[in-house]
């Protein structure tokens, strides 16, 4: 659980920022490709530590894209509560 929280804390911030930059302002139509593109743009959501996200995925033994996908899906289930 500690490894998941370590990773997802930073990742949810990045995904939320990605959602707010979309015309829909929502995660409901978010794709992994969109987050990955913004992940590479270090000036976008600069406070989100990409190294922590990458290291956390490695600690869990999961591919980064899989972690991003799982996080998007989890955020979709709560999108009304989190405001995106």
Protein backbone atom coordinates (compact mmCIF):
# COMPACT_ATOMS: atom_id res chain seq x y z
CA UNK A 1 0.00 0.00 0.00
CA UNK A 2 2.85 2.36 0.82
CA UNK A 3 4.34 1.92 -2.67
CA UNK A 4 0.99 2.60 -4.31
CA UNK A 5 0.38 5.76 -2.29
CA UNK A 6 3.93 6.95 -2.98
CA UNK A 7 3.30 6.68 -6.72
CA UNK A 8 -0.32 7.68 -7.01
CA UNK A 9 -0.07 10.81 -4.88
CA UNK A 10 2.06 12.52 -7.50
CA UNK A 11 0.32 10.86 -10.45
CA UNK A 12 -3.19 11.98 -9.49
CA UNK A 13 -1.93 15.55 -9.42
CA UNK A 14 -0.56 15.20 -12.93
CA UNK A 15 -3.73 13.53 -14.23
CA UNK A 16 -5.90 16.21 -12.60
CA UNK A 17 -3.80 18.93 -14.28
CA UNK A 18 -4.16 17.10 -17.61
CA UNK A 19 -7.91 16.94 -17.13
CA UNK A 20 -8.16 20.66 -16.38
CA UNK A 21 -6.24 21.42 -19.59
CA UNK A 22 -8.76 19.46 -21.68
CA UNK A 23 -11.82 21.09 -23.24
CA UNK A 24 -14.06 18.70 -21.25
CA UNK A 25 -12.19 19.43 -17.98
CA UNK A 26 -12.75 15.77 -17.12
CA UNK A 27 -10.99 12.42 -16.75
CA UNK A 28 -13.97 10.65 -18.32
CA UNK A 29 -12.46 10.97 -21.80
CA UNK A 30 -8.80 10.92 -20.73
CA UNK A 31 -6.40 8.53 -22.45
CA UNK A 32 -3.03 7.23 -21.30
CA UNK A 33 -1.46 8.78 -24.40
CA UNK A 34 -2.58 12.25 -23.29
CA UNK A 35 -1.05 11.87 -19.84
CA UNK A 36 2.15 10.37 -21.24
CA UNK A 37 2.56 13.34 -23.56
CA UNK A 38 2.17 15.80 -20.68
CA UNK A 39 4.41 13.60 -18.49
CA UNK A 40 7.26 14.32 -20.91
CA UNK A 41 6.59 18.08 -20.86
CA UNK A 42 8.46 18.99 -17.69
CA UNK A 43 7.10 22.54 -17.66
CA UNK A 44 3.51 21.20 -17.47
CA UNK A 45 2.41 20.62 -13.85
CA UNK A 46 6.01 21.18 -12.86
CA UNK A 47 5.28 20.53 -9.17
CA UNK A 48 4.39 16.89 -9.95
CA UNK A 49 7.57 14.91 -9.45
CA UNK A 50 7.96 12.60 -12.44
CA UNK A 51 10.88 10.79 -10.83
CA UNK A 52 8.69 9.78 -7.90
CA UNK A 53 6.04 8.45 -10.30
CA UNK A 54 8.61 6.47 -12.29
CA UNK A 55 10.35 5.15 -9.17
CA UNK A 56 7.03 4.15 -7.64
CA UNK A 57 6.00 2.20 -10.72
CA UNK A 58 9.36 0.42 -10.63
CA UNK A 59 8.96 -0.36 -6.91
CA UNK A 60 5.58 -1.93 -7.65
CA UNK A 61 7.00 -3.82 -10.63
CA UNK A 62 4.40 -2.33 -12.96
CA UNK A 63 4.81 -0.56 -16.30
CA UNK A 64 4.30 3.20 -16.09
CA UNK A 65 1.50 3.12 -18.69
CA UNK A 66 -0.35 0.51 -16.63
CA UNK A 67 -0.12 2.66 -13.50
CA UNK A 68 -1.39 5.66 -15.45
CA UNK A 69 -4.29 3.64 -16.89
CA UNK A 70 -5.28 2.24 -13.49
CA UNK A 71 -5.14 5.70 -11.93
CA UNK A 72 -7.28 7.22 -14.70
CA UNK A 73 -9.85 4.45 -14.28
CA UNK A 74 -9.94 4.96 -10.51
CA UNK A 75 -10.34 8.71 -10.91
CA UNK A 76 -13.20 8.18 -13.36
CA UNK A 77 -15.18 6.34 -10.70
CA UNK A 78 -14.94 9.43 -8.47
CA UNK A 79 -14.85 12.15 -11.13
CA UNK A 80 -17.87 14.01 -9.78
CA UNK A 81 -16.47 14.05 -6.25
CA UNK A 82 -13.01 15.23 -7.30
CA UNK A 83 -14.31 17.82 -9.72
CA UNK A 84 -12.92 16.52 -12.97
